[in-house]
PDB file of N, CA and C in Angstrom:
ATOM      1  N   MET A   1     -45.451  23.403  81.177  1.00  0.00           N
ATOM      2  CA  MET A   1     -44.729  24.651  81.062  1.00  0.00           C
ATOM      3  C   MET A   1     -45.370  25.682  81.984  1.00  0.00           C
ATOM      4  N   LEU A   2     -44.536  26.382  82.725  1.00  0.00           N
ATOM      5  CA  LEU A   2     -45.022  27.466  83.575  1.00  0.00           C
ATOM      6  C   LEU A   2     -45.221  28.714  82.731  1.00  0.00           C
ATOM      7  N   SER A   3     -46.155  29.534  83.132  1.00  0.00           N
ATOM      8  CA  SER A   3     -46.414  30.771  82.413  1.00  0.00           C
ATOM      9  C   SER A   3     -46.555  31.899  83.432  1.00  0.00           C
ATOM     10  N   PHE A   4     -45.844  32.999  83.202  1.00  0.00           N
ATOM     11  CA  PHE A   4     -45.874  34.136  84.099  1.00  0.00           C
ATOM     12  C   PHE A   4     -46.101  35.408  83.296  1.00  0.00           C
ATOM     13  N   THR A   5     -46.578  36.456  83.957  1.00  0.00           N
ATOM     14  CA  THR A   5     -46.793  37.731  83.282  1.00  0.00           C
ATOM     15  C   THR A   5     -45.459  38.421  83.025  1.00  0.00           C
ATOM     16  N   GLY A   6     -45.422  39.268  82.030  1.00  0.00           N
ATOM     17  CA  GLY A   6     -44.188  39.939  81.628  1.00  0.00           C
ATOM     18  C   GLY A   6     -43.623  40.894  82.647  1.00  0.00           C
ATOM     19  N   GLY A   7     -44.437  41.444  83.542  1.00  0.00           N
ATOM     20  CA  GLY A   7     -43.952  42.393  84.524  1.00  0.00           C
ATOM     21  C   GLY A   7     -43.384  41.764  85.781  1.00  0.00           C
ATOM     22  N   LEU A   8     -43.452  40.453  85.880  1.00  0.00           N
ATOM     23  CA  LEU A   8     -42.979  39.756  87.069  1.00  0.00           C
ATOM     24  C   LEU A   8     -41.456  39.769  87.134  1.00  0.00           C
ATOM     25  N   LYS A   9     -40.907  40.104  88.305  1.00  0.00           N
ATOM     26  CA  LYS A   9     -39.459  40.047  88.508  1.00  0.00           C
ATOM     27  C   LYS A   9     -39.084  38.638  88.953  1.00  0.00           C
ATOM     28  N   VAL A  10     -37.974  38.140  88.410  1.00  0.00           N
ATOM     29  CA  VAL A  10     -37.476  36.807  88.754  1.00  0.00           C
ATOM     30  C   VAL A  10     -36.003  36.933  89.098  1.00  0.00           C
ATOM     31  N   PHE A  11     -35.630  36.488  90.296  1.00  0.00           N
ATOM     32  CA  PHE A  11     -34.234  36.492  90.710  1.00  0.00           C
ATOM     33  C   PHE A  11     -33.781  35.061  90.946  1.00  0.00           C
ATOM     34  N   VAL A  12     -32.658  34.705  90.351  1.00  0.00           N
ATOM     35  CA  VAL A  12     -32.082  33.366  90.486  1.00  0.00           C
ATOM     36  C   VAL A  12     -30.844  33.470  91.363  1.00  0.00           C
ATOM     37  N   ALA A  13     -30.789  32.652  92.408  1.00  0.00           N
ATOM     38  CA  ALA A  13     -29.585  32.564  93.240  1.00  0.00           C
ATOM     39  C   ALA A  13     -28.558  31.753  92.462  1.00  0.00           C
ATOM     40  N   LEU A  14     -27.405  32.332  92.183  1.00  0.00           N
ATOM     41  CA  LEU A  14     -26.409  31.675  91.344  1.00  0.00           C
ATOM     42  C   LEU A  14     -25.704  30.526  92.055  1.00  0.00           C
ATOM     43  N   GLU A  15     -25.526  30.645  93.357  1.00  0.00           N
ATOM     44  CA  GLU A  15     -24.861  29.596  94.128  1.00  0.00           C
ATOM     45  C   GLU A  15     -25.885  28.589  94.630  1.00  0.00           C
ATOM     46  N   PRO A  16     -25.546  27.303  94.626  1.00  0.00           N
ATOM     47  CA  PRO A  16     -26.480  26.298  95.149  1.00  0.00           C
ATOM     48  C   PRO A  16     -26.727  26.480  96.645  1.00  0.00           C
ATOM     49  N   VAL A  17     -27.892  26.016  97.089  1.00  0.00           N
ATOM     50  CA  VAL A  17     -28.256  26.100  98.500  1.00  0.00           C
ATOM     51  C   VAL A  17     -28.724  24.733  98.985  1.00  0.00           C
ATOM     52  N   ASP A  18     -28.793  24.595 100.283  1.00  0.00           N
ATOM     53  CA  ASP A  18     -29.321  23.383 100.901  1.00  0.00           C
ATOM     54  C   ASP A  18     -30.847  23.422 100.766  1.00  0.00           C
ATOM     55  N   LEU A  19     -31.394  22.586  99.907  1.00  0.00           N
ATOM     56  CA  LEU A  19     -32.829  22.635  99.643  1.00  0.00           C
ATOM     57  C   LEU A  19     -33.662  21.939 100.710  1.00  0.00           C
ATOM     58  N   ARG A  20     -33.026  21.540 101.809  1.00  0.00           N
ATOM     59  CA  ARG A  20     -33.828  21.091 102.955  1.00  0.00           C
ATOM     60  C   ARG A  20     -34.476  22.288 103.627  1.00  0.00           C
ATOM     61  N   LYS A  21     -33.990  23.483 103.284  1.00  0.00           N
ATOM     62  CA  LYS A  21     -34.595  24.711 103.823  1.00  0.00           C
ATOM     63  C   LYS A  21     -36.006  24.844 103.286  1.00  0.00           C
ATOM     64  N   SER A  22     -36.876  25.354 104.121  1.00  0.00           N
ATOM     65  CA  SER A  22     -38.247  25.585 103.696  1.00  0.00           C
ATOM     66  C   SER A  22     -38.523  27.090 103.713  1.00  0.00           C
ATOM     67  N   PHE A  23     -39.721  27.473 104.052  1.00  0.00           N
ATOM     68  CA  PHE A  23     -40.131  28.872 103.977  1.00  0.00           C
ATOM     69  C   PHE A  23     -39.169  29.820 104.701  1.00  0.00           C
ATOM     70  N   SER A  24     -38.971  29.608 105.987  1.00  0.00           N
ATOM     71  CA  SER A  24     -38.166  30.540 106.786  1.00  0.00           C
ATOM     72  C   SER A  24     -36.706  30.561 106.355  1.00  0.00           C
ATOM     73  N   GLY A  25     -36.147  29.397 106.080  1.00  0.00           N
ATOM     74  CA  GLY A  25     -34.745  29.331 105.667  1.00  0.00           C
ATOM     75  C   GLY A  25     -34.502  30.023 104.343  1.00  0.00           C
ATOM     76  N   LEU A  26     -35.383  29.805 103.380  1.00  0.00           N
ATOM     77  CA  LEU A  26     -35.237  30.456 102.083  1.00  0.00           C
ATOM     78  C   LEU A  26     -35.523  31.952 102.186  1.00  0.00           C
ATOM     79  N   GLU A  27     -36.461  32.328 103.049  1.00  0.00           N
ATOM     80  CA  GLU A  27     -36.749  33.741 103.266  1.00  0.00           C
ATOM     81  C   GLU A  27     -35.511  34.456 103.801  1.00  0.00           C
ATOM     82  N   GLY A  28     -34.794  33.795 104.692  1.00  0.00           N
ATOM     83  CA  GLY A  28     -33.543  34.351 105.205  1.00  0.00           C
ATOM     84  C   GLY A  28     -32.497  34.515 104.114  1.00  0.00           C
ATOM     85  N   LEU A  29     -32.408  33.556 103.203  1.00  0.00           N
ATOM     86  CA  LEU A  29     -31.457  33.656 102.092  1.00  0.00           C
ATOM     87  C   LEU A  29     -31.790  34.823 101.166  1.00  0.00           C
ATOM     88  N   VAL A  30     -33.082  35.059 100.951  1.00  0.00           N
ATOM     89  CA  VAL A  30     -33.498  36.163 100.085  1.00  0.00           C
ATOM     90  C   VAL A  30     -32.996  37.490 100.647  1.00  0.00           C
ATOM     91  N   SER A  31     -33.174  37.692 101.935  1.00  0.00           N
ATOM     92  CA  SER A  31     -32.767  38.976 102.517  1.00  0.00           C
ATOM     93  C   SER A  31     -31.263  39.048 102.771  1.00  0.00           C
ATOM     94  N   GLU A  32     -30.669  37.994 103.324  1.00  0.00           N
ATOM     95  CA  GLU A  32     -29.261  38.040 103.704  1.00  0.00           C
ATOM     96  C   GLU A  32     -28.315  37.862 102.530  1.00  0.00           C
ATOM     97  N   ARG A  33     -28.523  36.846 101.714  1.00  0.00           N
ATOM     98  CA  ARG A  33     -27.590  36.547 100.635  1.00  0.00           C
ATOM     99  C   ARG A  33     -27.898  37.348  99.374  1.00  0.00           C
ATOM    100  N   LEU A  34     -29.185  37.451  99.022  1.00  0.00           N
ATOM    101  CA  LEU A  34     -29.541  38.126  97.775  1.00  0.00           C
ATOM    102  C   LEU A  34     -29.776  39.620  97.960  1.00  0.00           C
ATOM    103  N   GLY A  35     -29.992  40.056  99.205  1.00  0.00           N
ATOM    104  CA  GLY A  35     -30.193  41.474  99.473  1.00  0.00           C
ATOM    105  C   GLY A  35     -31.492  42.027  98.910  1.00  0.00           C
ATOM    106  N   GLU A  36     -32.522  41.209  98.874  1.00  0.00           N
ATOM    107  CA  GLU A  36     -33.818  41.617  98.328  1.00  0.00           C
ATOM    108  C   GLU A  36     -34.893  41.515  99.403  1.00  0.00           C
ATOM    109  N   ASP A  37     -35.998  42.206  99.161  1.00  0.00           N
ATOM    110  CA  ASP A  37     -37.154  42.139 100.046  1.00  0.00           C
ATOM    111  C   ASP A  37     -38.130  41.117  99.464  1.00  0.00           C
ATOM    112  N   LEU A  38     -38.394  40.067 100.199  1.00  0.00           N
ATOM    113  CA  LEU A  38     -39.272  38.998  99.736  1.00  0.00           C
ATOM    114  C   LEU A  38     -40.658  39.520  99.380  1.00  0.00           C
ATOM    115  N   ARG A  39     -41.123  40.522 100.092  1.00  0.00           N
ATOM    116  CA  ARG A  39     -42.491  41.007  99.909  1.00  0.00           C
ATOM    117  C   ARG A  39     -42.653  42.005  98.763  1.00  0.00           C
ATOM    118  N   GLN A  40     -41.663  42.081  97.893  1.00  0.00           N
ATOM    119  CA  GLN A  40     -41.763  42.966  96.735  1.00  0.00           C
ATOM    120  C   GLN A  40     -42.534  42.321  95.586  1.00  0.00           C
ATOM    121  N   GLY A  41     -42.889  41.065  95.717  1.00  0.00           N
ATOM    122  CA  GLY A  41     -43.687  40.400  94.695  1.00  0.00           C
ATOM    123  C   GLY A  41     -42.880  39.750  93.597  1.00  0.00           C
ATOM    124  N   ALA A  42     -41.630  39.409  93.856  1.00  0.00           N
ATOM    125  CA  ALA A  42     -40.784  38.741  92.868  1.00  0.00           C
ATOM    126  C   ALA A  42     -40.714  37.250  93.176  1.00  0.00           C
ATOM    127  N   LEU A  43     -40.314  36.477  92.171  1.00  0.00           N
ATOM    128  CA  LEU A  43     -40.021  35.058  92.365  1.00  0.00           C
ATOM    129  C   LEU A  43     -38.541  34.926  92.686  1.00  0.00           C
ATOM    130  N   PHE A  44     -38.212  34.049  93.618  1.00  0.00           N
ATOM    131  CA  PHE A  44     -36.824  33.785  93.971  1.00  0.00           C
ATOM    132  C   PHE A  44     -36.571  32.297  93.745  1.00  0.00           C
ATOM    133  N   VAL A  45     -35.578  32.001  92.912  1.00  0.00           N
ATOM    134  CA  VAL A  45     -35.341  30.631  92.457  1.00  0.00           C
ATOM    135  C   VAL A  45     -34.009  30.136  93.005  1.00  0.00           C
ATOM    136  N   PHE A  46     -34.030  28.930  93.569  1.00  0.00           N
ATOM    137  CA  PHE A  46     -32.849  28.309  94.175  1.00  0.00           C
ATOM    138  C   PHE A  46     -32.669  26.907  93.607  1.00  0.00           C
ATOM    139  N   THR A  47     -31.424  26.429  93.584  1.00  0.00           N
ATOM    140  CA  THR A  47     -31.142  25.063  93.149  1.00  0.00           C
ATOM    141  C   THR A  47     -30.209  24.379  94.139  1.00  0.00           C
ATOM    142  N   ASN A  48     -30.126  23.060  94.010  1.00  0.00           N
ATOM    143  CA  ASN A  48     -29.186  22.291  94.830  1.00  0.00           C
ATOM    144  C   ASN A  48     -27.840  22.188  94.102  1.00  0.00           C
ATOM    145  N   ARG A  49     -26.866  21.569  94.751  1.00  0.00           N
ATOM    146  CA  ARG A  49     -25.510  21.485  94.208  1.00  0.00           C
ATOM    147  C   ARG A  49     -25.453  20.693  92.895  1.00  0.00           C
ATOM    148  N   ARG A  50     -26.255  19.662  92.767  1.00  0.00           N
ATOM    149  CA  ARG A  50     -26.234  18.838  91.546  1.00  0.00           C
ATOM    150  C   ARG A  50     -27.131  19.373  90.437  1.00  0.00           C
ATOM    151  N   HIS A  51     -27.876  20.430  90.710  1.00  0.00           N
ATOM    152  CA  HIS A  51     -28.795  21.055  89.746  1.00  0.00           C
ATOM    153  C   HIS A  51     -29.882  20.090  89.260  1.00  0.00           C
ATOM    154  N   THR A  52     -30.335  19.239  90.163  1.00  0.00           N
ATOM    155  CA  THR A  52     -31.411  18.303  89.825  1.00  0.00           C
ATOM    156  C   THR A  52     -32.743  18.718  90.437  1.00  0.00           C
ATOM    157  N   ARG A  53     -32.709  19.716  91.305  1.00  0.00           N
ATOM    158  CA  ARG A  53     -33.920  20.210  91.969  1.00  0.00           C
ATOM    159  C   ARG A  53     -33.886  21.731  92.002  1.00  0.00           C
ATOM    160  N   LEU A  54     -35.079  22.307  92.040  1.00  0.00           N
ATOM    161  CA  LEU A  54     -35.160  23.741  92.256  1.00  0.00           C
ATOM    162  C   LEU A  54     -36.370  24.064  93.105  1.00  0.00           C
ATOM    163  N   LYS A  55     -36.267  25.185  93.802  1.00  0.00           N
ATOM    164  CA  LYS A  55     -37.375  25.705  94.598  1.00  0.00           C
ATOM    165  C   LYS A  55     -37.593  27.156  94.209  1.00  0.00           C
ATOM    166  N   ILE A  56     -38.866  27.515  94.119  1.00  0.00           N
ATOM    167  CA  ILE A  56     -39.252  28.889  93.822  1.00  0.00           C
ATOM    168  C   ILE A  56     -40.061  29.410  95.002  1.00  0.00           C
ATOM    169  N   LEU A  57     -39.632  30.538  95.553  1.00  0.00           N
ATOM    170  CA  LEU A  57     -40.311  31.170  96.676  1.00  0.00           C
ATOM    171  C   LEU A  57     -40.977  32.439  96.177  1.00  0.00           C
ATOM    172  N   TYR A  58     -42.243  32.641  96.552  1.00  0.00           N
ATOM    173  CA  TYR A  58     -43.012  33.782  96.052  1.00  0.00           C
ATOM    174  C   TYR A  58     -43.985  34.276  97.113  1.00  0.00           C
ATOM    175  N   TRP A  59     -44.015  35.579  97.316  1.00  0.00           N
ATOM    176  CA  TRP A  59     -44.972  36.230  98.226  1.00  0.00           C
ATOM    177  C   TRP A  59     -46.080  36.814  97.373  1.00  0.00           C
ATOM    178  N   ASP A  60     -47.331  36.397  97.584  1.00  0.00           N
ATOM    179  CA  ASP A  60     -48.445  36.873  96.753  1.00  0.00           C
ATOM    180  C   ASP A  60     -49.257  37.987  97.407  1.00  0.00           C
ATOM    181  N   GLY A  61     -48.792  38.486  98.539  1.00  0.00           N
ATOM    182  CA  GLY A  61     -49.504  39.549  99.236  1.00  0.00           C
ATOM    183  C   GLY A  61     -50.279  39.038 100.436  1.00  0.00           C
ATOM    184  N   THR A  62     -50.592  37.745 100.449  1.00  0.00           N
ATOM    185  CA  THR A  62     -51.308  37.168 101.585  1.00  0.00           C
ATOM    186  C   THR A  62     -50.517  36.072 102.268  1.00  0.00           C
ATOM    187  N   GLY A  63     -49.499  35.547 101.598  1.00  0.00           N
ATOM    188  CA  GLY A  63     -48.709  34.464 102.155  1.00  0.00           C
ATOM    189  C   GLY A  63     -47.634  34.028 101.186  1.00  0.00           C
ATOM    190  N   LEU A  64     -46.844  33.054 101.626  1.00  0.00           N
ATOM    191  CA  LEU A  64     -45.742  32.551 100.817  1.00  0.00           C
ATOM    192  C   LEU A  64     -46.146  31.308 100.033  1.00  0.00           C
ATOM    193  N   TRP A  65     -45.699  31.252  98.792  1.00  0.00           N
ATOM    194  CA  TRP A  65     -45.813  30.061  97.954  1.00  0.00           C
ATOM    195  C   TRP A  65     -44.432  29.437  97.867  1.00  0.00           C
ATOM    196  N   LEU A  66     -44.375  28.111  97.833  1.00  0.00           N
ATOM    197  CA  LEU A  66     -43.121  27.400  97.634  1.00  0.00           C
ATOM    198  C   LEU A  66     -43.383  26.320  96.591  1.00  0.00           C
ATOM    199  N   ALA A  67     -42.766  26.465  95.439  1.00  0.00           N
ATOM    200  CA  ALA A  67     -42.904  25.479  94.364  1.00  0.00           C
ATOM    201  C   ALA A  67     -41.588  24.714  94.254  1.00  0.00           C
ATOM    202  N   ILE A  68     -41.686  23.405  94.044  1.00  0.00           N
ATOM    203  CA  ILE A  68     -40.509  22.545  93.994  1.00  0.00           C
ATOM    204  C   ILE A  68     -40.578  21.701  92.725  1.00  0.00           C
ATOM    205  N   LYS A  69     -39.433  21.559  92.042  1.00  0.00           N
ATOM    206  CA  LYS A  69     -39.354  20.661  90.898  1.00  0.00           C
ATOM    207  C   LYS A  69     -38.143  19.765  91.069  1.00  0.00           C
ATOM    208  N   ARG A  70     -38.353  18.461  90.905  1.00  0.00           N
ATOM    209  CA  ARG A  70     -37.276  17.467  90.956  1.00  0.00           C
ATOM    210  C   ARG A  70     -37.226  16.779  89.606  1.00  0.00           C
ATOM    211  N   LEU A  71     -36.058  16.800  88.975  1.00  0.00           N
ATOM    212  CA  LEU A  71     -35.907  16.129  87.693  1.00  0.00           C
ATOM    213  C   LEU A  71     -35.703  14.632  87.901  1.00  0.00           C
ATOM    214  N   GLU A  72     -36.324  13.840  87.088  1.00  0.00           N
ATOM    215  CA  GLU A  72     -36.128  12.390  87.144  1.00  0.00           C
ATOM    216  C   GLU A  72     -34.821  11.997  86.466  1.00  0.00           C
ATOM    217  N   GLN A  73     -34.431  12.753  85.430  1.00  0.00           N
ATOM    218  CA  GLN A  73     -33.162  12.515  84.724  1.00  0.00           C
ATOM    219  C   GLN A  73     -32.562  13.854  84.346  1.00  0.00           C
ATOM    220  N   GLY A  74     -31.244  13.913  84.240  1.00  0.00           N
ATOM    221  CA  GLY A  74     -30.576  15.125  83.774  1.00  0.00           C
ATOM    222  C   GLY A  74     -30.474  16.200  84.829  1.00  0.00           C
ATOM    223  N   THR A  75     -30.062  17.382  84.382  1.00  0.00           N
ATOM    224  CA  THR A  75     -29.867  18.510  85.277  1.00  0.00           C
ATOM    225  C   THR A  75     -30.406  19.785  84.630  1.00  0.00           C
ATOM    226  N   PHE A  76     -30.667  20.774  85.462  1.00  0.00           N
ATOM    227  CA  PHE A  76     -31.036  22.093  84.959  1.00  0.00           C
ATOM    228  C   PHE A  76     -29.774  22.772  84.443  1.00  0.00           C
ATOM    229  N   SER A  77     -29.891  23.513  83.385  1.00  0.00           N
ATOM    230  CA  SER A  77     -28.783  24.316  82.868  1.00  0.00           C
ATOM    231  C   SER A  77     -28.760  25.602  83.667  1.00  0.00           C
ATOM    232  N   TRP A  78     -28.012  25.594  84.769  1.00  0.00           N
ATOM    233  CA  TRP A  78     -28.042  26.716  85.706  1.00  0.00           C
ATOM    234  C   TRP A  78     -27.086  27.804  85.271  1.00  0.00           C
ATOM    235  N   PRO A  79     -27.521  29.069  85.318  1.00  0.00           N
ATOM    236  CA  PRO A  79     -26.626  30.172  84.927  1.00  0.00           C
ATOM    237  C   PRO A  79     -25.460  30.299  85.895  1.00  0.00           C
ATOM    238  N   LYS A  80     -24.333  30.747  85.360  1.00  0.00           N
ATOM    239  CA  LYS A  80     -23.143  30.968  86.170  1.00  0.00           C
ATOM    240  C   LYS A  80     -22.813  32.453  86.142  1.00  0.00           C
ATOM    241  N   SER A  81     -22.209  32.920  87.206  1.00  0.00           N
ATOM    242  CA  SER A  81     -21.833  34.325  87.293  1.00  0.00           C
ATOM    243  C   SER A  81     -20.574  34.575  86.469  1.00  0.00           C
ATOM    244  N   ILE A  82     -20.590  35.640  85.691  1.00  0.00           N
ATOM    245  CA  ILE A  82     -19.381  36.027  84.962  1.00  0.00           C
ATOM    246  C   ILE A  82     -18.652  37.148  85.694  1.00  0.00           C
ATOM    247  N   GLU A  83     -19.278  37.667  86.739  1.00  0.00           N
ATOM    248  CA  GLU A  83     -18.677  38.714  87.554  1.00  0.00           C
ATOM    249  C   GLU A  83     -18.374  38.149  88.939  1.00  0.00           C
ATOM    250  N   PRO A  84     -17.149  38.312  89.428  1.00  0.00           N
ATOM    251  CA  PRO A  84     -16.831  37.817  90.771  1.00  0.00           C
ATOM    252  C   PRO A  84     -17.708  38.483  91.833  1.00  0.00           C
ATOM    253  N   GLY A  85     -18.180  37.689  92.766  1.00  0.00           N
ATOM    254  CA  GLY A  85     -18.978  38.209  93.866  1.00  0.00           C
ATOM    255  C   GLY A  85     -20.453  38.377  93.568  1.00  0.00           C
ATOM    256  N   ARG A  86     -20.861  38.145  92.345  1.00  0.00           N
ATOM    257  CA  ARG A  86     -22.281  38.280  92.000  1.00  0.00           C
ATOM    258  C   ARG A  86     -23.044  37.073  92.547  1.00  0.00           C
ATOM    259  N   VAL A  87     -24.155  37.317  93.233  1.00  0.00           N
ATOM    260  CA  VAL A  87     -24.880  36.235  93.898  1.00  0.00           C
ATOM    261  C   VAL A  87     -26.245  35.952  93.289  1.00  0.00           C
ATOM    262  N   LYS A  88     -26.723  36.864  92.424  1.00  0.00           N
ATOM    263  CA  LYS A  88     -28.050  36.665  91.839  1.00  0.00           C
ATOM    264  C   LYS A  88     -28.050  37.144  90.399  1.00  0.00           C
ATOM    265  N   LEU A  89     -29.048  36.677  89.681  1.00  0.00           N
ATOM    266  CA  LEU A  89     -29.242  37.063  88.299  1.00  0.00           C
ATOM    267  C   LEU A  89     -30.719  37.345  88.101  1.00  0.00           C
ATOM    268  N   LYS A  90     -31.027  38.428  87.422  1.00  0.00           N
ATOM    269  CA  LYS A  90     -32.421  38.748  87.142  1.00  0.00           C
ATOM    270  C   LYS A  90     -32.773  38.137  85.786  1.00  0.00           C
ATOM    271  N   LEU A  91     -33.860  37.385  85.747  1.00  0.00           N
ATOM    272  CA  LEU A  91     -34.328  36.760  84.515  1.00  0.00           C
ATOM    273  C   LEU A  91     -35.679  37.323  84.120  1.00  0.00           C
ATOM    274  N   THR A  92     -35.995  37.212  82.859  1.00  0.00           N
ATOM    275  CA  THR A  92     -37.349  37.515  82.403  1.00  0.00           C
ATOM    276  C   THR A  92     -38.224  36.302  82.716  1.00  0.00           C
ATOM    277  N   PRO A  93     -39.519  36.482  82.827  1.00  0.00           N
ATOM    278  CA  PRO A  93     -40.400  35.330  83.036  1.00  0.00           C
ATOM    279  C   PRO A  93     -40.265  34.280  81.935  1.00  0.00           C
ATOM    280  N   GLU A  94     -40.029  34.726  80.702  1.00  0.00           N
ATOM    281  CA  GLU A  94     -39.859  33.783  79.589  1.00  0.00           C
ATOM    282  C   GLU A  94     -38.605  32.935  79.771  1.00  0.00           C
ATOM    283  N   ALA A  95     -37.513  33.565  80.236  1.00  0.00           N
ATOM    284  CA  ALA A  95     -36.269  32.826  80.466  1.00  0.00           C
ATOM    285  C   ALA A  95     -36.439  31.811  81.594  1.00  0.00           C
ATOM    286  N   LEU A  96     -37.199  32.169  82.631  1.00  0.00           N
ATOM    287  CA  LEU A  96     -37.465  31.211  83.706  1.00  0.00           C
ATOM    288  C   LEU A  96     -38.246  30.015  83.169  1.00  0.00           C
ATOM    289  N   ALA A  97     -39.241  30.271  82.342  1.00  0.00           N
ATOM    290  CA  ALA A  97     -40.015  29.168  81.763  1.00  0.00           C
ATOM    291  C   ALA A  97     -39.109  28.252  80.937  1.00  0.00           C
ATOM    292  N   MET A  98     -38.188  28.821  80.183  1.00  0.00           N
ATOM    293  CA  MET A  98     -37.261  28.002  79.397  1.00  0.00           C
ATOM    294  C   MET A  98     -36.328  27.212  80.310  1.00  0.00           C
ATOM    295  N   LEU A  99     -35.844  27.849  81.361  1.00  0.00           N
ATOM    296  CA  LEU A  99     -34.963  27.169  82.318  1.00  0.00           C
ATOM    297  C   LEU A  99     -35.663  25.966  82.941  1.00  0.00           C
ATOM    298  N   THR A 100     -36.908  26.156  83.386  1.00  0.00           N
ATOM    299  CA  THR A 100     -37.632  25.052  84.024  1.00  0.00           C
ATOM    300  C   THR A 100     -38.056  23.982  83.030  1.00  0.00           C
ATOM    301  N   ASP A 101     -38.115  24.328  81.741  1.00  0.00           N
ATOM    302  CA  ASP A 101     -38.471  23.353  80.706  1.00  0.00           C
ATOM    303  C   ASP A 101     -37.260  22.631  80.123  1.00  0.00           C
ATOM    304  N   GLY A 102     -36.053  22.950  80.620  1.00  0.00           N
ATOM    305  CA  GLY A 102     -34.866  22.213  80.190  1.00  0.00           C
ATOM    306  C   GLY A 102     -34.111  22.819  79.028  1.00  0.00           C
ATOM    307  N   ILE A 103     -34.404  24.035  78.665  1.00  0.00           N
ATOM    308  CA  ILE A 103     -33.698  24.671  77.559  1.00  0.00           C
ATOM    309  C   ILE A 103     -32.413  25.292  78.085  1.00  0.00           C
ATOM    310  N   ASP A 104     -31.301  25.027  77.403  1.00  0.00           N
ATOM    311  CA  ASP A 104     -30.007  25.579  77.786  1.00  0.00           C
ATOM    312  C   ASP A 104     -29.948  27.028  77.336  1.00  0.00           C
ATOM    313  N   LEU A 105     -29.843  27.957  78.275  1.00  0.00           N
ATOM    314  CA  LEU A 105     -29.873  29.375  77.957  1.00  0.00           C
ATOM    315  C   LEU A 105     -28.516  29.928  77.533  1.00  0.00           C
ATOM    316  N   ARG A 106     -27.441  29.133  77.666  1.00  0.00           N
ATOM    317  CA  ARG A 106     -26.122  29.619  77.244  1.00  0.00           C
ATOM    318  C   ARG A 106     -26.119  29.787  75.729  1.00  0.00           C
ATOM    319  N   GLY A 107     -25.790  30.970  75.303  1.00  0.00           N
ATOM    320  CA  GLY A 107     -25.736  31.252  73.873  1.00  0.00           C
ATOM    321  C   GLY A 107     -27.093  31.561  73.258  1.00  0.00           C
ATOM    322  N   ALA A 108     -28.153  31.340  74.001  1.00  0.00           N
ATOM    323  CA  ALA A 108     -29.485  31.640  73.475  1.00  0.00           C
ATOM    324  C   ALA A 108     -29.774  33.115  73.682  1.00  0.00           C
ATOM    325  N   LYS A 109     -30.570  33.675  72.812  1.00  0.00           N
ATOM    326  CA  LYS A 109     -30.966  35.062  72.999  1.00  0.00           C
ATOM    327  C   LYS A 109     -32.382  35.241  72.486  1.00  0.00           C
ATOM    328  N   LEU A 110     -33.073  36.183  73.108  1.00  0.00           N
ATOM    329  CA  LEU A 110     -34.415  36.501  72.662  1.00  0.00           C
ATOM    330  C   LEU A 110     -34.315  37.431  71.463  1.00  0.00           C
ATOM    331  N   ARG A 111     -35.104  37.167  70.461  1.00  0.00           N
ATOM    332  CA  ARG A 111     -35.108  38.040  69.288  1.00  0.00           C
ATOM    333  C   ARG A 111     -35.719  39.385  69.674  1.00  0.00           C
ATOM    334  N   PRO A 112     -35.316  40.462  68.974  1.00  0.00           N
ATOM    335  CA  PRO A 112     -35.803  41.796  69.351  1.00  0.00           C
ATOM    336  C   PRO A 112     -37.322  41.910  69.391  1.00  0.00           C
ATOM    337  N   TRP A 113     -38.030  41.224  68.553  1.00  0.00           N
ATOM    338  CA  TRP A 113     -39.488  41.323  68.556  1.00  0.00           C
ATOM    339  C   TRP A 113     -40.096  40.634  69.761  1.00  0.00           C
ATOM    340  N   TYR A 114     -39.321  39.820  70.464  1.00  0.00           N
ATOM    341  CA  TYR A 114     -39.832  39.070  71.608  1.00  0.00           C
ATOM    342  C   TYR A 114     -39.525  39.746  72.928  1.00  0.00           C
ATOM    343  N   GLU A 115     -38.566  40.664  72.948  1.00  0.00           N
ATOM    344  CA  GLU A 115     -38.156  41.306  74.184  1.00  0.00           C
ATOM    345  C   GLU A 115     -39.215  42.299  74.666  1.00  0.00           C
ATOM    346  N   ARG A 116     -39.306  42.426  75.968  1.00  0.00           N
ATOM    347  CA  ARG A 116     -40.215  43.384  76.579  1.00  0.00           C
ATOM    348  C   ARG A 116     -39.432  44.410  77.345  1.00  0.00           C
ATOM    349  N   GLU A 117     -39.966  45.611  77.428  1.00  0.00           N
ATOM    350  CA  GLU A 117     -39.351  46.604  78.285  1.00  0.00           C
ATOM    351  C   GLU A 117     -39.864  46.399  79.690  1.00  0.00           C
ATOM    352  N   ASN A 118     -38.979  46.506  80.679  1.00  0.00           N
ATOM    353  CA  ASN A 118     -39.383  46.350  82.079  1.00  0.00           C
ATOM    354  C   ASN A 118     -39.501  47.676  82.741  1.00  0.00           C
TER     355      ASN A 118
END
């Protein structure tokens, strides 16, 4: 299980991408498609069309990190946009940990005692 601090921003690209892209290609997607600055210290999460792989891009102040996860079986429960034209979704670090651990976030909600103010 991944663990992140509560103040960390996490942005998920809602549309699948070509995961053959590496640092530069994903960096371009962050600025062009998601409209974010990579160097703001957020995690940017991408998936492939079949939702069997994901990549996380992160700038730590000195360089880029690229984390990759490939599922041996099954798929990630990837969020879908309910608003036309929406390209990204902001998640809490806890929701990202649940997503990467295989928990289906549809219909799930954090109890009020578990929520943090950002």
